[in-house]
Amino acid sequence: MTEPADFEHDLATQVLIELYSEIPPPSKLVTGHFHSGGDYRVVRPDGVGSWYLLYTASGTGRYVIGQNTLTLRHGDVVLVSPGTPHDYGTVGTYWESWWAHFQPRREWHSWLSLPQAMPGLSYVRLTRSSETDRVVSAFDRLHRDAQRAGLSPTGDTELHLLEKSVATELTMNGIEEVLLTAVASLRRETQHLDARVHLVLEAITADPARPHTLTSLAGLAQVSVSRLAHLFKEQVGDSIMNVVLALRLQRAAELLGATDMSVAQIAAAVGFDSPHYLSRQFGRRYGMSPTAHRAAVRNPELELY
């Protein structure tokens, strides 16, 4: 692939870089396609509250955590977990990247277990043209769907807007396709999740409201608590109880939008001891209170993502 000798940001990229210079709210679904010059760099020492998916289409970039540096080239898929420091940018003169900030669907957690290159950062290199072509196609579609939903700015005045909830689901479908392509590529070279980790993931995904404990889940998997905790963190990239918390919050968000249940009723239904604890954790994850989330879901004029 040919890289421009003295590349500067194109106008669309420059506008987007300025728009996205602030930290995106945890609940905000945002996508982008950047053609970045040599001066492009993003630093967020505390990371963000959402997952960050990054794909290098051409040129060279790099991601730094502490003293560790990962060089990013064509075909590299990077997945950064919430709270992981952000320090990434162009190496040399040019870097073309596709990216998305998102909150995963409940069933995605077993797919987020890509190999960790650094703490909180997973990485897969796609080597087949069929894989890289599919990922670029998926990103192109999901980014346009995000624009149609009004989730990402666009200068295309001819772009016909879709109903927001439909376009949002289509955007999430595209992110899902990118993740599954990376997982499928990885599984050709490595084994599946450890059967014990898979069993625990199935149990907590099927019923996150159940009073799960490390002891009960270790008993289910027939392994010691310490061994299960190590295996799960190594393969999934997060602790068991953090995943349980994320699943409960996602279920709470679904119930807020689909029912008239009170926050107290929803807290009990999804496994929280009190509505106050639900509200506190919900605010940390989604950047708004449960009541504000419900209002945003039911009023399309309010911004939810």
Protein backbone atom coordinates (compact mmCIF):
# COMPACT_ATOMS: atom_id res chain seq x y z
CA MET A 1 0.00 0.00 0.00
CA THR A 2 1.29 3.44 -0.92
CA GLU A 3 1.52 6.08 1.76
CA PRO A 4 1.49 9.81 0.90
CA ALA A 5 4.98 11.27 1.30
CA ASP A 6 3.96 14.44 3.13
CA PHE A 7 0.47 13.68 4.36
CA GLU A 8 -1.68 16.17 6.22
CA HIS A 9 -5.09 15.46 7.70
CA ASP A 10 -7.84 15.67 5.11
CA LEU A 11 -10.56 18.23 5.95
CA ALA A 12 -13.08 15.63 7.14
CA THR A 13 -10.52 14.01 9.43
CA GLN A 14 -9.43 17.38 10.84
CA VAL A 15 -13.04 18.31 11.65
CA LEU A 16 -13.66 14.94 13.30
CA ILE A 17 -10.43 15.10 15.31
CA GLU A 18 -11.53 18.45 16.70
CA LEU A 19 -15.06 17.16 17.40
CA TYR A 20 -13.76 14.04 19.15
CA SER A 21 -10.93 15.67 21.10
CA GLU A 22 -13.07 15.43 24.23
CA ILE A 23 -13.59 12.15 26.08
CA PRO A 24 -16.78 10.49 24.74
CA PRO A 25 -19.48 9.81 27.38
CA PRO A 26 -19.54 6.12 28.41
CA SER A 27 -22.95 5.51 26.83
CA LYS A 28 -22.18 7.29 23.57
CA LEU A 29 -21.87 5.10 20.47
CA VAL A 30 -19.36 6.86 18.22
CA THR A 31 -17.60 5.69 15.05
CA GLY A 32 -14.98 7.18 12.78
CA HIS A 33 -12.66 6.80 9.79
CA PHE A 34 -9.47 8.84 10.02
CA HIS A 35 -6.73 9.59 7.49
CA SER A 36 -4.22 10.98 9.99
CA GLY A 37 -0.98 12.87 9.45
CA GLY A 38 2.22 12.66 11.45
CA ASP A 39 1.08 15.04 14.18
CA TYR A 40 -1.97 12.97 15.19
CA ARG A 41 -1.94 11.76 18.81
CA VAL A 42 -4.63 11.09 21.42
CA VAL A 43 -3.80 10.86 25.15
CA ARG A 44 -6.42 10.00 27.77
CA PRO A 45 -4.56 8.89 30.94
CA ASP A 46 -7.71 7.46 32.55
CA GLY A 47 -9.12 5.94 29.36
CA VAL A 48 -12.86 6.10 28.71
CA GLY A 49 -15.94 4.35 30.09
CA SER A 50 -16.68 2.49 26.85
CA TRP A 51 -14.94 -0.21 24.82
CA TYR A 52 -12.74 1.08 21.99
CA LEU A 53 -12.36 -0.92 18.77
CA LEU A 54 -9.57 0.18 16.42
CA TYR A 55 -8.55 -1.17 13.00
CA THR A 56 -5.54 -0.12 10.92
CA ALA A 57 -6.35 -0.08 7.20
CA SER A 58 -3.04 1.36 5.99
CA GLY A 59 -0.03 3.33 7.15
CA THR A 60 1.39 2.90 10.64
CA GLY A 61 0.17 3.82 14.11
CA ARG A 62 1.17 2.95 17.63
CA TYR A 63 -0.47 2.41 21.01
CA VAL A 64 1.48 3.03 24.23
CA ILE A 65 0.68 1.86 27.75
CA GLY A 66 3.38 2.68 30.28
CA GLN A 67 6.72 1.49 28.93
CA ASN A 68 5.09 -0.84 26.36
CA THR A 69 4.49 0.12 22.73
CA LEU A 70 2.45 -1.78 20.16
CA THR A 71 3.08 -0.83 16.51
CA LEU A 72 -0.09 -1.00 14.40
CA ARG A 73 -0.03 -1.91 10.71
CA HIS A 74 -2.43 -3.06 8.01
CA GLY A 75 -4.76 -5.78 9.33
CA ASP A 76 -4.32 -5.05 13.04
CA VAL A 77 -7.46 -5.16 15.19
CA VAL A 78 -7.18 -3.64 18.67
CA LEU A 79 -9.81 -3.82 21.39
CA VAL A 80 -9.33 -1.62 24.46
CA SER A 81 -11.36 -2.23 27.61
CA PRO A 82 -12.98 0.57 29.65
CA GLY A 83 -10.61 2.42 31.97
CA THR A 84 -7.46 1.44 30.06
CA PRO A 85 -5.20 4.46 29.36
CA HIS A 86 -5.34 5.84 25.81
CA ASP A 87 -2.12 6.98 24.15
CA TYR A 88 -2.13 6.35 20.41
CA GLY A 89 -1.19 8.15 17.22
CA THR A 90 0.55 8.12 13.87
CA VAL A 91 4.02 6.68 13.32
CA GLY A 92 5.76 8.39 10.42
CA THR A 93 3.60 10.49 8.13
CA TYR A 94 0.34 8.61 7.63
CA TRP A 95 -2.14 6.34 9.40
CA GLU A 96 -5.57 5.27 8.16
CA SER A 97 -7.78 3.88 10.90
CA TRP A 98 -11.39 2.87 11.49
CA TRP A 99 -12.72 2.94 15.04
CA ALA A 100 -15.75 2.74 17.31
CA HIS A 101 -16.56 3.50 20.95
CA PHE A 102 -19.36 1.22 22.16
CA GLN A 103 -20.98 -0.73 24.99
CA PRO A 104 -21.19 -4.45 24.10
CA ARG A 105 -24.34 -6.48 23.78
CA ARG A 106 -24.74 -9.12 26.50
CA GLU A 107 -23.86 -12.06 24.26
CA TRP A 108 -20.59 -10.45 23.14
CA HIS A 109 -18.59 -11.05 26.31
CA SER A 110 -17.30 -14.44 25.19
CA TRP A 111 -16.08 -12.75 21.98
CA LEU A 112 -14.11 -10.06 23.80
CA SER A 113 -11.50 -12.64 24.84
CA LEU A 114 -8.90 -11.72 22.24
CA PRO A 115 -5.21 -12.16 23.22
CA GLN A 116 -3.94 -9.36 25.43
CA ALA A 117 -0.85 -7.58 24.11
CA MET A 118 -0.84 -5.26 27.15
CA PRO A 119 -3.06 -4.97 30.23
CA GLY A 120 -6.51 -3.92 29.03
CA LEU A 121 -5.56 -4.08 25.34
CA SER A 122 -6.32 -7.07 23.12
CA TYR A 123 -4.84 -7.53 19.68
CA VAL A 124 -5.25 -9.69 16.58
CA ARG A 125 -3.50 -9.34 13.22
CA LEU A 126 -5.62 -10.35 10.23
CA THR A 127 -3.43 -11.80 7.49
CA ARG A 128 -5.93 -12.97 4.88
CA SER A 129 -7.30 -10.53 2.32
CA SER A 130 -10.76 -12.04 2.76
CA GLU A 131 -10.64 -11.03 6.44
CA THR A 132 -9.24 -7.53 5.97
CA ASP A 133 -11.66 -6.82 3.10
CA ARG A 134 -14.58 -7.97 5.25
CA VAL A 135 -13.54 -5.80 8.18
CA VAL A 136 -13.16 -2.68 6.01
CA SER A 137 -16.54 -3.37 4.40
CA ALA A 138 -18.15 -3.84 7.83
CA PHE A 139 -16.60 -0.64 9.19
CA ASP A 140 -17.68 1.30 6.10
CA ARG A 141 -21.27 0.13 6.55
CA LEU A 142 -21.41 0.59 10.31
CA HIS A 143 -19.91 4.07 10.07
CA ARG A 144 -22.48 5.14 7.47
CA ASP A 145 -25.23 3.63 9.60
CA ALA A 146 -23.94 5.61 12.58
CA GLN A 147 -24.07 8.75 10.45
CA ARG A 148 -27.62 7.91 9.39
CA ALA A 149 -28.52 7.57 13.06
CA GLY A 150 -27.00 10.98 13.76
CA LEU A 151 -24.35 9.31 15.96
CA SER A 152 -21.36 10.50 13.92
CA PRO A 153 -21.07 13.85 12.12
CA THR A 154 -21.05 13.88 8.32
CA GLY A 155 -20.76 16.48 5.62
CA ASP A 156 -22.81 14.34 3.23
CA THR A 157 -26.00 16.31 2.76
CA GLU A 158 -27.41 13.59 0.51
CA LEU A 159 -27.21 10.95 3.22
CA HIS A 160 -30.76 9.84 4.00
CA LEU A 161 -31.38 9.50 7.72
CA LEU A 162 -32.81 6.27 9.10
CA GLU A 163 -34.96 5.94 12.18
CA LYS A 164 -32.43 6.23 15.00
CA SER A 165 -33.08 2.93 16.77
CA VAL A 166 -32.88 1.01 13.49
CA ALA A 167 -29.64 2.70 12.42
CA THR A 168 -28.16 2.14 15.88
CA GLU A 169 -28.88 -1.59 15.71
CA LEU A 170 -27.33 -1.75 12.24
CA THR A 171 -24.23 0.01 13.58
CA MET A 172 -23.97 -2.51 16.41
CA ASN A 173 -24.40 -5.35 13.88
CA GLY A 174 -21.36 -4.02 12.03
CA ILE A 175 -19.27 -3.89 15.20
CA GLU A 176 -20.37 -7.46 15.93
CA GLU A 177 -19.21 -8.53 12.45
CA VAL A 178 -15.75 -7.01 13.02
CA LEU A 179 -15.41 -8.75 16.39
CA LEU A 180 -16.54 -12.11 15.03
CA THR A 181 -14.14 -11.83 12.09
CA ALA A 182 -11.27 -11.27 14.53
CA VAL A 183 -12.41 -14.16 16.74
CA ALA A 184 -12.78 -16.50 13.75
CA SER A 185 -9.30 -15.61 12.54
CA LEU A 186 -7.86 -16.23 15.98
CA ARG A 187 -9.59 -19.58 16.41
CA ARG A 188 -8.00 -20.89 13.25
CA GLU A 189 -4.66 -20.55 15.01
CA THR A 190 -5.54 -21.23 18.62
CA GLN A 191 -7.94 -23.26 20.73
CA HIS A 192 -11.35 -22.07 21.89
CA LEU A 193 -11.93 -20.67 25.36
CA ASP A 194 -11.11 -23.06 28.17
CA ALA A 195 -14.21 -25.20 28.71
CA ARG A 196 -14.44 -24.08 32.34
CA VAL A 197 -14.33 -20.39 31.40
CA HIS A 198 -16.93 -21.01 28.68
CA LEU A 199 -19.19 -22.74 31.21
CA VAL A 200 -18.98 -19.80 33.63
CA LEU A 201 -19.61 -17.28 30.84
CA GLU A 202 -22.71 -19.20 29.77
CA ALA A 203 -23.99 -19.30 33.36
CA ILE A 204 -23.59 -15.60 34.11
CA THR A 205 -24.85 -14.52 30.67
CA ALA A 206 -27.96 -16.69 30.90
CA ASP A 207 -28.91 -15.40 34.36
CA PRO A 208 -26.86 -12.37 35.51
CA ALA A 209 -29.40 -11.60 38.27
CA ARG A 210 -28.59 -14.79 40.13
CA PRO A 211 -26.47 -14.21 43.28
CA HIS A 212 -23.27 -15.41 41.65
CA THR A 213 -20.14 -15.67 43.77
CA LEU A 214 -16.63 -16.78 42.89
CA THR A 215 -17.14 -19.79 45.15
CA SER A 216 -20.39 -20.89 43.50
CA LEU A 217 -19.00 -20.42 40.00
CA ALA A 218 -15.79 -22.25 40.87
CA GLY A 219 -17.95 -25.11 42.12
CA LEU A 220 -19.86 -25.11 38.84
CA ALA A 221 -16.60 -25.25 36.88
CA GLN A 222 -15.06 -27.77 39.32
CA VAL A 223 -11.92 -25.72 39.78
CA SER A 224 -10.44 -23.71 42.64
CA VAL A 225 -11.50 -20.08 43.07
CA SER A 226 -7.98 -18.79 42.43
CA ARG A 227 -7.52 -20.92 39.31
CA LEU A 228 -10.89 -19.87 37.89
CA ALA A 229 -10.20 -16.19 38.57
CA HIS A 230 -6.82 -16.47 36.82
CA LEU A 231 -8.16 -18.35 33.80
CA PHE A 232 -11.14 -16.03 33.37
CA LYS A 233 -9.09 -12.82 33.58
CA GLU A 234 -6.46 -14.24 31.23
CA GLN A 235 -8.94 -15.33 28.56
CA VAL A 236 -11.76 -12.82 28.87
CA GLY A 237 -9.68 -9.80 29.82
CA ASP A 238 -11.76 -8.79 32.85
CA SER A 239 -12.70 -10.22 36.22
CA ILE A 240 -15.76 -12.43 36.65
CA MET A 241 -17.59 -10.01 38.90
CA ASN A 242 -16.91 -7.06 36.59
CA VAL A 243 -18.51 -9.01 33.75
CA VAL A 244 -21.48 -9.90 35.99
CA LEU A 245 -21.85 -6.20 36.84
CA ALA A 246 -21.74 -5.21 33.16
CA LEU A 247 -24.39 -7.81 32.30
CA ARG A 248 -26.68 -6.63 35.10
CA LEU A 249 -26.34 -3.00 34.02
CA GLN A 250 -27.09 -3.90 30.43
CA ARG A 251 -30.20 -5.80 31.50
CA ALA A 252 -31.25 -2.83 33.63
CA ALA A 253 -30.88 -0.54 30.60
CA GLU A 254 -33.06 -2.89 28.56
CA LEU A 255 -35.79 -2.94 31.23
CA LEU A 256 -35.71 0.84 31.62
CA GLY A 257 -36.48 1.22 27.93
CA ALA A 258 -38.99 -1.59 27.56
CA THR A 259 -41.02 -1.51 30.79
CA ASP A 260 -42.63 0.84 33.32
CA MET A 261 -40.95 -0.92 36.25
CA SER A 262 -39.58 1.42 38.92
CA VAL A 263 -35.84 1.71 39.44
CA ALA A 264 -36.25 -0.22 42.70
CA GLN A 265 -38.10 -3.04 40.93
CA ILE A 266 -35.48 -3.17 38.18
CA ALA A 267 -32.66 -3.22 40.74
CA ALA A 268 -34.19 -6.27 42.41
CA ALA A 269 -34.91 -7.94 39.07
CA VAL A 270 -31.34 -7.69 37.78
CA GLY A 271 -29.56 -8.64 41.01
CA PHE A 272 -28.70 -5.39 42.83
CA ASP A 273 -29.16 -5.16 46.58
CA SER A 274 -30.51 -1.60 46.41
CA PRO A 275 -31.72 0.94 43.84
CA HIS A 276 -29.08 3.38 45.11
CA TYR A 277 -26.28 0.98 44.23
CA LEU A 278 -27.83 0.40 40.79
CA SER A 279 -28.08 4.15 40.18
CA ARG A 280 -24.46 4.74 41.21
CA GLN A 281 -23.09 1.94 39.01
CA PHE A 282 -25.40 2.87 36.13
CA GLY A 283 -24.12 6.45 36.19
CA ARG A 284 -20.51 5.29 36.10
CA ARG A 285 -21.11 2.99 33.15
CA TYR A 286 -23.56 5.01 31.03
CA GLY A 287 -22.85 8.57 32.10
CA MET A 288 -26.44 9.25 33.17
CA SER A 289 -28.97 8.20 35.79
CA PRO A 290 -31.47 5.38 35.15
CA THR A 291 -34.27 7.95 35.01
CA ALA A 292 -32.41 10.04 32.43
CA HIS A 293 -31.71 6.93 30.39
CA ARG A 294 -35.40 6.01 30.35
CA ALA A 295 -36.36 9.53 29.27
CA ALA A 296 -33.79 9.45 26.46
CA VAL A 297 -35.01 6.08 25.21
CA ARG A 298 -38.61 7.26 25.10
CA ASN A 299 -37.90 10.66 23.61
CA PRO A 300 -36.00 10.40 20.31
CA GLU A 301 -35.18 14.10 20.49
CA LEU A 302 -32.91 13.47 23.48
CA GLU A 303 -29.42 12.13 22.85
CA LEU A 304 -28.87 8.64 24.21
CA TYR A 305 -25.81 7.53 22.25
